[in-house]
Amino acid sequence: MDPDDLLPAYASKPDEELRSVIVAHSGLAQAIVAAHPEMAQDAGFELFDAAWARRYWRSVVAEVAGIDALNRVASWVVGASIGQLASLIAARFALPPPARPAAVALAVVLLRAARSMTGGRVAS
């Protein structure tokens, strides 16, 4: 499934619905936590909710985009699209086609957080 096919529907979903899609694909959730074990120990957040995304979007985006310096993530994300980020997530975590909706949902959550934190426009 091409992530771009899901964009219109997922871009307008509320955060909680997107979180449900991400959690339903446990392979992605497990891969994210394995790559960032501090997330599992952070008692202040529920994985993949809006507060979690505001705290961790830089780390996850830097990892999947291959950006070494966290201060360059905000610049990169302004020009990123949901489809582009979803494709990077799917590739980084070797997601099978049935898990692609979770990659799109995570991309939407991360880009929304980036937009709210940077005050910048994020491509869709």
PDB file of N, CA and C in Angstrom:
ATOM      1  N   MET A   1       0.851  -1.179   0.000  1.00  0.00           N
ATOM      2  CA  MET A   1       0.000   0.000   0.000  1.00  0.00           C
ATOM      3  C   MET A   1       0.894   1.238   0.000  1.00  0.00           C
ATOM      4  N   ASP A   2       0.622   2.122  -0.896  1.00  0.00           N
ATOM      5  CA  ASP A   2       1.375   3.371  -1.001  1.00  0.00           C
ATOM      6  C   ASP A   2       0.873   4.328   0.078  1.00  0.00           C
ATOM      7  N   PRO A   3       1.800   4.831   0.917  1.00  0.00           N
ATOM      8  CA  PRO A   3       1.361   5.757   1.972  1.00  0.00           C
ATOM      9  C   PRO A   3       0.591   6.958   1.444  1.00  0.00           C
ATOM     10  N   ASP A   4       0.903   7.412   0.233  1.00  0.00           N
ATOM     11  CA  ASP A   4       0.204   8.573  -0.319  1.00  0.00           C
ATOM     12  C   ASP A   4      -1.290   8.324  -0.501  1.00  0.00           C
ATOM     13  N   ASP A   5      -1.684   7.056  -0.666  1.00  0.00           N
ATOM     14  CA  ASP A   5      -3.099   6.733  -0.817  1.00  0.00           C
ATOM     15  C   ASP A   5      -3.888   6.998   0.466  1.00  0.00           C
ATOM     16  N   LEU A   6      -3.206   6.980   1.601  1.00  0.00           N
ATOM     17  CA  LEU A   6      -3.866   7.156   2.890  1.00  0.00           C
ATOM     18  C   LEU A   6      -3.915   8.613   3.354  1.00  0.00           C
ATOM     19  N   LEU A   7      -3.159   9.468   2.691  1.00  0.00           N
ATOM     20  CA  LEU A   7      -2.996  10.841   3.175  1.00  0.00           C
ATOM     21  C   LEU A   7      -4.294  11.607   3.378  1.00  0.00           C
ATOM     22  N   PRO A   8      -5.196  11.632   2.416  1.00  0.00           N
ATOM     23  CA  PRO A   8      -6.408  12.452   2.631  1.00  0.00           C
ATOM     24  C   PRO A   8      -7.185  12.041   3.879  1.00  0.00           C
ATOM     25  N   ALA A   9      -7.340  10.748   4.087  1.00  0.00           N
ATOM     26  CA  ALA A   9      -8.111  10.285   5.240  1.00  0.00           C
ATOM     27  C   ALA A   9      -7.363  10.497   6.550  1.00  0.00           C
ATOM     28  N   TYR A  10      -6.079  10.200   6.565  1.00  0.00           N
ATOM     29  CA  TYR A  10      -5.316  10.263   7.811  1.00  0.00           C
ATOM     30  C   TYR A  10      -4.981  11.696   8.218  1.00  0.00           C
ATOM     31  N   ALA A  11      -4.799  12.581   7.289  1.00  0.00           N
ATOM     32  CA  ALA A  11      -4.440  13.965   7.622  1.00  0.00           C
ATOM     33  C   ALA A  11      -5.531  14.663   8.430  1.00  0.00           C
ATOM     34  N   SER A  12      -6.771  14.200   8.288  1.00  0.00           N
ATOM     35  CA  SER A  12      -7.869  14.848   9.005  1.00  0.00           C
ATOM     36  C   SER A  12      -8.330  14.072  10.244  1.00  0.00           C
ATOM     37  N   LYS A  13      -7.716  12.934  10.531  1.00  0.00           N
ATOM     38  CA  LYS A  13      -8.117  12.150  11.706  1.00  0.00           C
ATOM     39  C   LYS A  13      -7.651  12.838  12.990  1.00  0.00           C
ATOM     40  N   PRO A  14      -8.430  12.703  14.058  1.00  0.00           N
ATOM     41  CA  PRO A  14      -7.987  13.244  15.344  1.00  0.00           C
ATOM     42  C   PRO A  14      -6.796  12.442  15.888  1.00  0.00           C
ATOM     43  N   ASP A  15      -6.036  13.065  16.761  1.00  0.00           N
ATOM     44  CA  ASP A  15      -4.826  12.433  17.303  1.00  0.00           C
ATOM     45  C   ASP A  15      -5.100  11.081  17.950  1.00  0.00           C
ATOM     46  N   GLU A  16      -6.175  10.971  18.710  1.00  0.00           N
ATOM     47  CA  GLU A  16      -6.458   9.710  19.411  1.00  0.00           C
ATOM     48  C   GLU A  16      -6.733   8.574  18.424  1.00  0.00           C
ATOM     49  N   GLU A  17      -7.391   8.884  17.337  1.00  0.00           N
ATOM     50  CA  GLU A  17      -7.649   7.865  16.314  1.00  0.00           C
ATOM     51  C   GLU A  17      -6.342   7.437  15.645  1.00  0.00           C
ATOM     52  N   LEU A  18      -5.466   8.404  15.388  1.00  0.00           N
ATOM     53  CA  LEU A  18      -4.157   8.078  14.816  1.00  0.00           C
ATOM     54  C   LEU A  18      -3.343   7.225  15.784  1.00  0.00           C
ATOM     55  N   ARG A  19      -3.391   7.559  17.068  1.00  0.00           N
ATOM     56  CA  ARG A  19      -2.687   6.785  18.082  1.00  0.00           C
ATOM     57  C   ARG A  19      -3.168   5.336  18.071  1.00  0.00           C
ATOM     58  N   SER A  20      -4.461   5.134  17.927  1.00  0.00           N
ATOM     59  CA  SER A  20      -5.011   3.774  17.880  1.00  0.00           C
ATOM     60  C   SER A  20      -4.469   2.992  16.695  1.00  0.00           C
ATOM     61  N   VAL A  21      -4.322   3.660  15.553  1.00  0.00           N
ATOM     62  CA  VAL A  21      -3.773   3.000  14.364  1.00  0.00           C
ATOM     63  C   VAL A  21      -2.321   2.590  14.611  1.00  0.00           C
ATOM     64  N   ILE A  22      -1.553   3.480  15.227  1.00  0.00           N
ATOM     65  CA  ILE A  22      -0.139   3.182  15.501  1.00  0.00           C
ATOM     66  C   ILE A  22      -0.022   2.009  16.463  1.00  0.00           C
ATOM     67  N   VAL A  23      -0.770   2.052  17.551  1.00  0.00           N
ATOM     68  CA  VAL A  23      -0.694   1.012  18.578  1.00  0.00           C
ATOM     69  C   VAL A  23      -1.184  -0.332  18.030  1.00  0.00           C
ATOM     70  N   ALA A  24      -2.138  -0.317  17.114  1.00  0.00           N
ATOM     71  CA  ALA A  24      -2.652  -1.560  16.539  1.00  0.00           C
ATOM     72  C   ALA A  24      -1.577  -2.336  15.786  1.00  0.00           C
ATOM     73  N   HIS A  25      -0.576  -1.643  15.291  1.00  0.00           N
ATOM     74  CA  HIS A  25       0.541  -2.291  14.597  1.00  0.00           C
ATOM     75  C   HIS A  25       1.703  -2.360  15.576  1.00  0.00           C
ATOM     76  N   SER A  26       1.662  -3.381  16.428  1.00  0.00           N
ATOM     77  CA  SER A  26       2.615  -3.466  17.531  1.00  0.00           C
ATOM     78  C   SER A  26       4.065  -3.515  17.073  1.00  0.00           C
ATOM     79  N   GLY A  27       4.317  -3.979  15.863  1.00  0.00           N
ATOM     80  CA  GLY A  27       5.693  -4.027  15.377  1.00  0.00           C
ATOM     81  C   GLY A  27       6.322  -2.650  15.305  1.00  0.00           C
ATOM     82  N   LEU A  28       5.575  -1.664  14.855  1.00  0.00           N
ATOM     83  CA  LEU A  28       6.097  -0.297  14.784  1.00  0.00           C
ATOM     84  C   LEU A  28       6.288   0.256  16.191  1.00  0.00           C
ATOM     85  N   ALA A  29       5.312   0.072  17.037  1.00  0.00           N
ATOM     86  CA  ALA A  29       5.419   0.567  18.414  1.00  0.00           C
ATOM     87  C   ALA A  29       6.625  -0.045  19.109  1.00  0.00           C
ATOM     88  N   GLN A  30       6.816  -1.341  18.951  1.00  0.00           N
ATOM     89  CA  GLN A  30       7.957  -2.017  19.578  1.00  0.00           C
ATOM     90  C   GLN A  30       9.280  -1.529  19.002  1.00  0.00           C
ATOM     91  N   ALA A  31       9.327  -1.281  17.706  1.00  0.00           N
ATOM     92  CA  ALA A  31      10.555  -0.807  17.071  1.00  0.00           C
ATOM     93  C   ALA A  31      10.920   0.591  17.562  1.00  0.00           C
ATOM     94  N   ILE A  32       9.932   1.452  17.713  1.00  0.00           N
ATOM     95  CA  ILE A  32      10.182   2.813  18.194  1.00  0.00           C
ATOM     96  C   ILE A  32      10.725   2.758  19.628  1.00  0.00           C
ATOM     97  N   VAL A  33      10.093   1.960  20.479  1.00  0.00           N
ATOM     98  CA  VAL A  33      10.528   1.864  21.872  1.00  0.00           C
ATOM     99  C   VAL A  33      11.903   1.209  21.959  1.00  0.00           C
ATOM    100  N   ALA A  34      12.174   0.226  21.117  1.00  0.00           N
ATOM    101  CA  ALA A  34      13.496  -0.415  21.120  1.00  0.00           C
ATOM    102  C   ALA A  34      14.586   0.578  20.716  1.00  0.00           C
ATOM    103  N   ALA A  35      14.274   1.444  19.776  1.00  0.00           N
ATOM    104  CA  ALA A  35      15.240   2.441  19.319  1.00  0.00           C
ATOM    105  C   ALA A  35      15.398   3.578  20.333  1.00  0.00           C
ATOM    106  N   HIS A  36      14.376   3.799  21.134  1.00  0.00           N
ATOM    107  CA  HIS A  36      14.380   4.894  22.116  1.00  0.00           C
ATOM    108  C   HIS A  36      13.855   4.368  23.452  1.00  0.00           C
ATOM    109  N   PRO A  37      14.648   3.568  24.165  1.00  0.00           N
ATOM    110  CA  PRO A  37      14.150   2.944  25.398  1.00  0.00           C
ATOM    111  C   PRO A  37      13.696   3.937  26.465  1.00  0.00           C
ATOM    112  N   GLU A  38      14.202   5.146  26.427  1.00  0.00           N
ATOM    113  CA  GLU A  38      13.779   6.143  27.417  1.00  0.00           C
ATOM    114  C   GLU A  38      12.282   6.433  27.322  1.00  0.00           C
ATOM    115  N   MET A  39      11.686   6.199  26.166  1.00  0.00           N
ATOM    116  CA  MET A  39      10.257   6.456  25.993  1.00  0.00           C
ATOM    117  C   MET A  39       9.414   5.533  26.855  1.00  0.00           C
ATOM    118  N   ALA A  40       9.843   4.283  26.979  1.00  0.00           N
ATOM    119  CA  ALA A  40       9.077   3.311  27.761  1.00  0.00           C
ATOM    120  C   ALA A  40       9.128   3.629  29.248  1.00  0.00           C
ATOM    121  N   GLN A  41      10.143   4.355  29.671  1.00  0.00           N
ATOM    122  CA  GLN A  41      10.316   4.667  31.089  1.00  0.00           C
ATOM    123  C   GLN A  41       9.791   6.053  31.451  1.00  0.00           C
ATOM    124  N   ASP A  42       9.333   6.791  30.481  1.00  0.00           N
ATOM    125  CA  ASP A  42       8.847   8.150  30.717  1.00  0.00           C
ATOM    126  C   ASP A  42       7.389   8.091  31.164  1.00  0.00           C
ATOM    127  N   ALA A  43       7.181   8.222  32.453  1.00  0.00           N
ATOM    128  CA  ALA A  43       5.845   8.057  33.016  1.00  0.00           C
ATOM    129  C   ALA A  43       4.912   9.220  32.718  1.00  0.00           C
ATOM    130  N   GLY A  44       5.436  10.297  32.165  1.00  0.00           N
ATOM    131  CA  GLY A  44       4.611  11.471  31.941  1.00  0.00           C
ATOM    132  C   GLY A  44       3.788  11.436  30.665  1.00  0.00           C
ATOM    133  N   PHE A  45       3.924  10.386  29.879  1.00  0.00           N
ATOM    134  CA  PHE A  45       3.266  10.361  28.575  1.00  0.00           C
ATOM    135  C   PHE A  45       2.681   9.001  28.271  1.00  0.00           C
ATOM    136  N   GLU A  46       1.658   8.999  27.439  1.00  0.00           N
ATOM    137  CA  GLU A  46       1.134   7.773  26.863  1.00  0.00           C
ATOM    138  C   GLU A  46       1.740   7.692  25.465  1.00  0.00           C
ATOM    139  N   LEU A  47       2.348   6.563  25.143  1.00  0.00           N
ATOM    140  CA  LEU A  47       3.018   6.439  23.849  1.00  0.00           C
ATOM    141  C   LEU A  47       2.122   6.886  22.697  1.00  0.00           C
ATOM    142  N   PHE A  48       2.683   7.724  21.852  1.00  0.00           N
ATOM    143  CA  PHE A  48       2.088   8.177  20.595  1.00  0.00           C
ATOM    144  C   PHE A  48       0.928   9.155  20.741  1.00  0.00           C
ATOM    145  N   ASP A  49       0.691   9.657  21.946  1.00  0.00           N
ATOM    146  CA  ASP A  49      -0.327  10.697  22.055  1.00  0.00           C
ATOM    147  C   ASP A  49       0.308  12.051  21.730  1.00  0.00           C
ATOM    148  N   ALA A  50      -0.484  13.099  21.738  1.00  0.00           N
ATOM    149  CA  ALA A  50       0.014  14.415  21.319  1.00  0.00           C
ATOM    150  C   ALA A  50       1.133  14.923  22.228  1.00  0.00           C
ATOM    151  N   ALA A  51       1.025  14.691  23.540  1.00  0.00           N
ATOM    152  CA  ALA A  51       2.074  15.142  24.458  1.00  0.00           C
ATOM    153  C   ALA A  51       3.371  14.378  24.202  1.00  0.00           C
ATOM    154  N   TRP A  52       3.270  13.081  23.964  1.00  0.00           N
ATOM    155  CA  TRP A  52       4.448  12.270  23.625  1.00  0.00           C
ATOM    156  C   TRP A  52       5.094  12.820  22.356  1.00  0.00           C
ATOM    157  N   ALA A  53       4.292  13.105  21.352  1.00  0.00           N
ATOM    158  CA  ALA A  53       4.814  13.586  20.066  1.00  0.00           C
ATOM    159  C   ALA A  53       5.536  14.919  20.237  1.00  0.00           C
ATOM    160  N   ARG A  54       4.981  15.812  21.051  1.00  0.00           N
ATOM    161  CA  ARG A  54       5.651  17.095  21.272  1.00  0.00           C
ATOM    162  C   ARG A  54       7.009  16.906  21.946  1.00  0.00           C
ATOM    163  N   ARG A  55       7.129  15.913  22.786  1.00  0.00           N
ATOM    164  CA  ARG A  55       8.395  15.670  23.471  1.00  0.00           C
ATOM    165  C   ARG A  55       9.408  14.953  22.590  1.00  0.00           C
ATOM    166  N   TYR A  56       8.968  14.001  21.765  1.00  0.00           N
ATOM    167  CA  TYR A  56       9.898  13.110  21.075  1.00  0.00           C
ATOM    168  C   TYR A  56       9.968  13.269  19.554  1.00  0.00           C
ATOM    169  N   TRP A  57       9.239  14.206  18.965  1.00  0.00           N
ATOM    170  CA  TRP A  57       9.222  14.273  17.501  1.00  0.00           C
ATOM    171  C   TRP A  57      10.614  14.484  16.931  1.00  0.00           C
ATOM    172  N   ARG A  58      11.432  15.305  17.566  1.00  0.00           N
ATOM    173  CA  ARG A  58      12.781  15.558  17.042  1.00  0.00           C
ATOM    174  C   ARG A  58      13.615  14.280  16.996  1.00  0.00           C
ATOM    175  N   SER A  59      13.570  13.506  18.061  1.00  0.00           N
ATOM    176  CA  SER A  59      14.363  12.273  18.129  1.00  0.00           C
ATOM    177  C   SER A  59      13.941  11.269  17.066  1.00  0.00           C
ATOM    178  N   VAL A  60      12.647  11.073  16.922  1.00  0.00           N
ATOM    179  CA  VAL A  60      12.156  10.082  15.957  1.00  0.00           C
ATOM    180  C   VAL A  60      12.422  10.554  14.532  1.00  0.00           C
ATOM    181  N   VAL A  61      12.131  11.808  14.242  1.00  0.00           N
ATOM    182  CA  VAL A  61      12.354  12.325  12.890  1.00  0.00           C
ATOM    183  C   VAL A  61      13.842  12.308  12.546  1.00  0.00           C
ATOM    184  N   ALA A  62      14.689  12.698  13.486  1.00  0.00           N
ATOM    185  CA  ALA A  62      16.138  12.677  13.234  1.00  0.00           C
ATOM    186  C   ALA A  62      16.600  11.269  12.897  1.00  0.00           C
ATOM    187  N   GLU A  63      16.096  10.291  13.626  1.00  0.00           N
ATOM    188  CA  GLU A  63      16.488   8.906  13.374  1.00  0.00           C
ATOM    189  C   GLU A  63      16.055   8.433  11.986  1.00  0.00           C
ATOM    190  N   VAL A  64      14.795   8.609  11.655  1.00  0.00           N
ATOM    191  CA  VAL A  64      14.313   8.065  10.387  1.00  0.00           C
ATOM    192  C   VAL A  64      14.827   8.847   9.183  1.00  0.00           C
ATOM    193  N   ALA A  65      15.111  10.134   9.380  1.00  0.00           N
ATOM    194  CA  ALA A  65      15.621  10.952   8.272  1.00  0.00           C
ATOM    195  C   ALA A  65      17.146  10.916   8.181  1.00  0.00           C
ATOM    196  N   GLY A  66      17.787  10.296   9.162  1.00  0.00           N
ATOM    197  CA  GLY A  66      19.238  10.214   9.137  1.00  0.00           C
ATOM    198  C   GLY A  66      19.932  11.537   9.401  1.00  0.00           C
ATOM    199  N   ILE A  67      19.327  12.363  10.247  1.00  0.00           N
ATOM    200  CA  ILE A  67      19.903  13.672  10.578  1.00  0.00           C
ATOM    201  C   ILE A  67      20.693  13.532  11.873  1.00  0.00           C
ATOM    202  N   ASP A  68      21.952  13.904  11.823  1.00  0.00           N
ATOM    203  CA  ASP A  68      22.828  13.754  12.988  1.00  0.00           C
ATOM    204  C   ASP A  68      22.600  14.814  14.054  1.00  0.00           C
ATOM    205  N   ALA A  69      22.360  16.029  13.666  1.00  0.00           N
ATOM    206  CA  ALA A  69      22.244  17.130  14.614  1.00  0.00           C
ATOM    207  C   ALA A  69      20.773  17.470  14.843  1.00  0.00           C
ATOM    208  N   LEU A  70      20.334  17.363  16.091  1.00  0.00           N
ATOM    209  CA  LEU A  70      18.930  17.637  16.389  1.00  0.00           C
ATOM    210  C   LEU A  70      18.517  19.058  16.039  1.00  0.00           C
ATOM    211  N   ASN A  71      19.459  19.990  16.059  1.00  0.00           N
ATOM    212  CA  ASN A  71      19.088  21.368  15.727  1.00  0.00           C
ATOM    213  C   ASN A  71      18.763  21.540  14.244  1.00  0.00           C
ATOM    214  N   ARG A  72      19.096  20.569  13.409  1.00  0.00           N
ATOM    215  CA  ARG A  72      18.748  20.658  11.983  1.00  0.00           C
ATOM    216  C   ARG A  72      17.420  19.984  11.658  1.00  0.00           C
ATOM    217  N   VAL A  73      16.844  19.292  12.621  1.00  0.00           N
ATOM    218  CA  VAL A  73      15.592  18.572  12.385  1.00  0.00           C
ATOM    219  C   VAL A  73      14.460  19.540  12.064  1.00  0.00           C
ATOM    220  N   ALA A  74      14.366  20.635  12.785  1.00  0.00           N
ATOM    221  CA  ALA A  74      13.277  21.586  12.546  1.00  0.00           C
ATOM    222  C   ALA A  74      13.330  22.141  11.133  1.00  0.00           C
ATOM    223  N   SER A  75      14.514  22.417  10.632  1.00  0.00           N
ATOM    224  CA  SER A  75      14.650  22.906   9.252  1.00  0.00           C
ATOM    225  C   SER A  75      14.200  21.851   8.255  1.00  0.00           C
ATOM    226  N   TRP A  76      14.589  20.611   8.497  1.00  0.00           N
ATOM    227  CA  TRP A  76      14.232  19.521   7.586  1.00  0.00           C
ATOM    228  C   TRP A  76      12.726  19.302   7.566  1.00  0.00           C
ATOM    229  N   VAL A  77      12.116  19.309   8.744  1.00  0.00           N
ATOM    230  CA  VAL A  77      10.712  18.941   8.845  1.00  0.00           C
ATOM    231  C   VAL A  77       9.794  19.974   8.192  1.00  0.00           C
ATOM    232  N   VAL A  78      10.221  21.222   8.120  1.00  0.00           N
ATOM    233  CA  VAL A  78       9.389  22.247   7.484  1.00  0.00           C
ATOM    234  C   VAL A  78       9.116  21.901   6.022  1.00  0.00           C
ATOM    235  N   GLY A  79      10.088  21.312   5.356  1.00  0.00           N
ATOM    236  CA  GLY A  79       9.899  20.946   3.958  1.00  0.00           C
ATOM    237  C   GLY A  79       9.424  19.524   3.746  1.00  0.00           C
ATOM    238  N   ALA A  80       9.268  18.776   4.820  1.00  0.00           N
ATOM    239  CA  ALA A  80       8.870  17.363   4.704  1.00  0.00           C
ATOM    240  C   ALA A  80       7.361  17.234   4.516  1.00  0.00           C
ATOM    241  N   SER A  81       6.974  16.200   3.817  1.00  0.00           N
ATOM    242  CA  SER A  81       5.556  15.900   3.656  1.00  0.00           C
ATOM    243  C   SER A  81       5.214  14.667   4.494  1.00  0.00           C
ATOM    244  N   ILE A  82       3.937  14.477   4.733  1.00  0.00           N
ATOM    245  CA  ILE A  82       3.483  13.300   5.464  1.00  0.00           C
ATOM    246  C   ILE A  82       3.908  12.046   4.718  1.00  0.00           C
ATOM    247  N   GLY A  83       3.703  12.026   3.417  1.00  0.00           N
ATOM    248  CA  GLY A  83       4.071  10.849   2.623  1.00  0.00           C
ATOM    249  C   GLY A  83       5.555  10.561   2.666  1.00  0.00           C
ATOM    250  N   GLN A  84       6.355  11.614   2.598  1.00  0.00           N
ATOM    251  CA  GLN A  84       7.803  11.441   2.648  1.00  0.00           C
ATOM    252  C   GLN A  84       8.225  10.862   3.996  1.00  0.00           C
ATOM    253  N   LEU A  85       7.718  11.427   5.085  1.00  0.00           N
ATOM    254  CA  LEU A  85       8.082  10.937   6.406  1.00  0.00           C
ATOM    255  C   LEU A  85       7.555   9.520   6.625  1.00  0.00           C
ATOM    256  N   ALA A  86       6.354   9.237   6.178  1.00  0.00           N
ATOM    257  CA  ALA A  86       5.806   7.883   6.320  1.00  0.00           C
ATOM    258  C   ALA A  86       6.664   6.865   5.576  1.00  0.00           C
ATOM    259  N   SER A  87       7.126   7.207   4.405  1.00  0.00           N
ATOM    260  CA  SER A  87       8.002   6.300   3.645  1.00  0.00           C
ATOM    261  C   SER A  87       9.314   6.061   4.372  1.00  0.00           C
ATOM    262  N   LEU A  88       9.871   7.115   4.971  1.00  0.00           N
ATOM    263  CA  LEU A  88      11.109   6.964   5.736  1.00  0.00           C
ATOM    264  C   LEU A  88      10.893   6.085   6.970  1.00  0.00           C
ATOM    265  N   ILE A  89       9.758   6.261   7.646  1.00  0.00           N
ATOM    266  CA  ILE A  89       9.435   5.434   8.811  1.00  0.00           C
ATOM    267  C   ILE A  89       9.314   3.975   8.394  1.00  0.00           C
ATOM    268  N   ALA A  90       8.582   3.726   7.313  1.00  0.00           N
ATOM    269  CA  ALA A  90       8.398   2.351   6.834  1.00  0.00           C
ATOM    270  C   ALA A  90       9.729   1.713   6.457  1.00  0.00           C
ATOM    271  N   ALA A  91      10.596   2.477   5.810  1.00  0.00           N
ATOM    272  CA  ALA A  91      11.897   1.937   5.403  1.00  0.00           C
ATOM    273  C   ALA A  91      12.798   1.702   6.613  1.00  0.00           C
ATOM    274  N   ARG A  92      12.861   2.662   7.519  1.00  0.00           N
ATOM    275  CA  ARG A  92      13.754   2.556   8.684  1.00  0.00           C
ATOM    276  C   ARG A  92      13.414   1.357   9.548  1.00  0.00           C
ATOM    277  N   PHE A  93      12.126   1.098   9.725  1.00  0.00           N
ATOM    278  CA  PHE A  93      11.695   0.016  10.590  1.00  0.00           C
ATOM    279  C   PHE A  93      11.256  -1.225   9.816  1.00  0.00           C
ATOM    280  N   ALA A  94      11.558  -1.249   8.517  1.00  0.00           N
ATOM    281  CA  ALA A  94      11.264  -2.404   7.651  1.00  0.00           C
ATOM    282  C   ALA A  94       9.826  -2.900   7.845  1.00  0.00           C
ATOM    283  N   LEU A  95       8.895  -1.978   7.723  1.00  0.00           N
ATOM    284  CA  LEU A  95       7.496  -2.327   7.939  1.00  0.00           C
ATOM    285  C   LEU A  95       6.919  -3.059   6.735  1.00  0.00           C
ATOM    286  N   PRO A  96       6.193  -4.129   6.979  1.00  0.00           N
ATOM    287  CA  PRO A  96       5.512  -4.809   5.879  1.00  0.00           C
ATOM    288  C   PRO A  96       4.314  -3.975   5.420  1.00  0.00           C
ATOM    289  N   PRO A  97       3.821  -4.218   4.222  1.00  0.00           N
ATOM    290  CA  PRO A  97       2.687  -3.426   3.706  1.00  0.00           C
ATOM    291  C   PRO A  97       1.494  -3.289   4.654  1.00  0.00           C
ATOM    292  N   PRO A  98       1.101  -4.332   5.400  1.00  0.00           N
ATOM    293  CA  PRO A  98      -0.046  -4.123   6.300  1.00  0.00           C
ATOM    294  C   PRO A  98       0.202  -3.100   7.410  1.00  0.00           C
ATOM    295  N   ALA A  99       1.453  -2.795   7.691  1.00  0.00           N
ATOM    296  CA  ALA A  99       1.764  -1.826   8.745  1.00  0.00           C
ATOM    297  C   ALA A  99       1.934  -0.410   8.214  1.00  0.00           C
ATOM    298  N   ARG A 100       1.806  -0.206   6.910  1.00  0.00           N
ATOM    299  CA  ARG A 100       1.988   1.132   6.344  1.00  0.00           C
ATOM    300  C   ARG A 100       0.998   2.156   6.886  1.00  0.00           C
ATOM    301  N   PRO A 101      -0.249   1.782   7.189  1.00  0.00           N
ATOM    302  CA  PRO A 101      -1.139   2.785   7.792  1.00  0.00           C
ATOM    303  C   PRO A 101      -0.584   3.336   9.114  1.00  0.00           C
ATOM    304  N   ALA A 102       0.093   2.494   9.876  1.00  0.00           N
ATOM    305  CA  ALA A 102       0.686   2.967  11.131  1.00  0.00           C
ATOM    306  C   ALA A 102       1.799   3.970  10.863  1.00  0.00           C
ATOM    307  N   ALA A 103       2.561   3.750   9.801  1.00  0.00           N
ATOM    308  CA  ALA A 103       3.626   4.692   9.441  1.00  0.00           C
ATOM    309  C   ALA A 103       3.033   6.042   9.048  1.00  0.00           C
ATOM    310  N   VAL A 104       1.947   6.022   8.307  1.00  0.00           N
ATOM    311  CA  VAL A 104       1.286   7.274   7.911  1.00  0.00           C
ATOM    312  C   VAL A 104       0.722   7.972   9.150  1.00  0.00           C
ATOM    313  N   ALA A 105       0.080   7.208  10.022  1.00  0.00           N
ATOM    314  CA  ALA A 105      -0.479   7.792  11.241  1.00  0.00           C
ATOM    315  C   ALA A 105       0.621   8.420  12.093  1.00  0.00           C
ATOM    316  N   LEU A 106       1.749   7.725  12.245  1.00  0.00           N
ATOM    317  CA  LEU A 106       2.853   8.267  13.024  1.00  0.00           C
ATOM    318  C   LEU A 106       3.422   9.521  12.371  1.00  0.00           C
ATOM    319  N   ALA A 107       3.525   9.524  11.058  1.00  0.00           N
ATOM    320  CA  ALA A 107       4.015  10.709  10.349  1.00  0.00           C
ATOM    321  C   ALA A 107       3.109  11.905  10.606  1.00  0.00           C
ATOM    322  N   VAL A 108       1.810  11.707  10.579  1.00  0.00           N
ATOM    323  CA  VAL A 108       0.868  12.802  10.831  1.00  0.00           C
ATOM    324  C   VAL A 108       1.047  13.321  12.260  1.00  0.00           C
ATOM    325  N   VAL A 109       1.121  12.411  13.220  1.00  0.00           N
ATOM    326  CA  VAL A 109       1.286  12.805  14.625  1.00  0.00           C
ATOM    327  C   VAL A 109       2.580  13.586  14.819  1.00  0.00           C
ATOM    328  N   LEU A 110       3.674  13.093  14.243  1.00  0.00           N
ATOM    329  CA  LEU A 110       4.970  13.757  14.398  1.00  0.00           C
ATOM    330  C   LEU A 110       4.992  15.135  13.726  1.00  0.00           C
ATOM    331  N   LEU A 111       4.439  15.216  12.534  1.00  0.00           N
ATOM    332  CA  LEU A 111       4.442  16.502  11.833  1.00  0.00           C
ATOM    333  C   LEU A 111       3.509  17.515  12.493  1.00  0.00           C
ATOM    334  N   ARG A 112       2.404  17.056  13.047  1.00  0.00           N
ATOM    335  CA  ARG A 112       1.545  17.974  13.808  1.00  0.00           C
ATOM    336  C   ARG A 112       2.304  18.530  15.012  1.00  0.00           C
ATOM    337  N   ALA A 113       3.017  17.659  15.706  1.00  0.00           N
ATOM    338  CA  ALA A 113       3.795  18.100  16.872  1.00  0.00           C
ATOM    339  C   ALA A 113       4.873  19.085  16.439  1.00  0.00           C
ATOM    340  N   ALA A 114       5.539  18.776  15.341  1.00  0.00           N
ATOM    341  CA  ALA A 114       6.590  19.661  14.843  1.00  0.00           C
ATOM    342  C   ALA A 114       6.019  21.032  14.519  1.00  0.00           C
ATOM    343  N   ARG A 115       4.874  21.043  13.873  1.00  0.00           N
ATOM    344  CA  ARG A 115       4.235  22.317  13.520  1.00  0.00           C
ATOM    345  C   ARG A 115       3.853  23.094  14.774  1.00  0.00           C
ATOM    346  N   SER A 116       3.321  22.419  15.772  1.00  0.00           N
ATOM    347  CA  SER A 116       2.910  23.121  16.985  1.00  0.00           C
ATOM    348  C   SER A 116       4.109  23.630  17.781  1.00  0.00           C
ATOM    349  N   MET A 117       5.224  22.931  17.707  1.00  0.00           N
ATOM    350  CA  MET A 117       6.406  23.318  18.475  1.00  0.00           C
ATOM    351  C   MET A 117       7.260  24.369  17.765  1.00  0.00           C
ATOM    352  N   THR A 118       7.260  24.337  16.466  1.00  0.00           N
ATOM    353  CA  THR A 118       8.122  25.268  15.722  1.00  0.00           C
ATOM    354  C   THR A 118       7.353  26.483  15.237  1.00  0.00           C
ATOM    355  N   GLY A 119       6.036  26.408  15.241  1.00  0.00           N
ATOM    356  CA  GLY A 119       5.234  27.509  14.736  1.00  0.00           C
ATOM    357  C   GLY A 119       5.337  27.630  13.237  1.00  0.00           C
ATOM    358  N   GLY A 120       6.005  26.679  12.632  1.00  0.00           N
ATOM    359  CA  GLY A 120       6.208  26.714  11.179  1.00  0.00           C
ATOM    360  C   GLY A 120       5.158  25.918  10.435  1.00  0.00           C
ATOM    361  N   ARG A 121       5.134  26.134   9.163  1.00  0.00           N
ATOM    362  CA  ARG A 121       4.226  25.403   8.290  1.00  0.00           C
ATOM    363  C   ARG A 121       4.894  24.098   7.910  1.00  0.00           C
ATOM    364  N   VAL A 122       4.150  23.012   8.030  1.00  0.00           N
ATOM    365  CA  VAL A 122       4.646  21.702   7.648  1.00  0.00           C
ATOM    366  C   VAL A 122       3.838  21.221   6.467  1.00  0.00           C
ATOM    367  N   ALA A 123       4.508  20.756   5.455  1.00  0.00           N
ATOM    368  CA  ALA A 123       3.840  20.300   4.237  1.00  0.00           C
ATOM    369  C   ALA A 123       2.959  19.095   4.541  1.00  0.00           C
ATOM    370  N   SER A 124       1.926  18.910   3.717  1.00  0.00           N
ATOM    371  CA  SER A 124       1.065  17.738   3.901  1.00  0.00           C
ATOM    372  C   SER A 124       1.219  16.796   2.775  1.00  0.00           C
TER     373      SER A 124
END
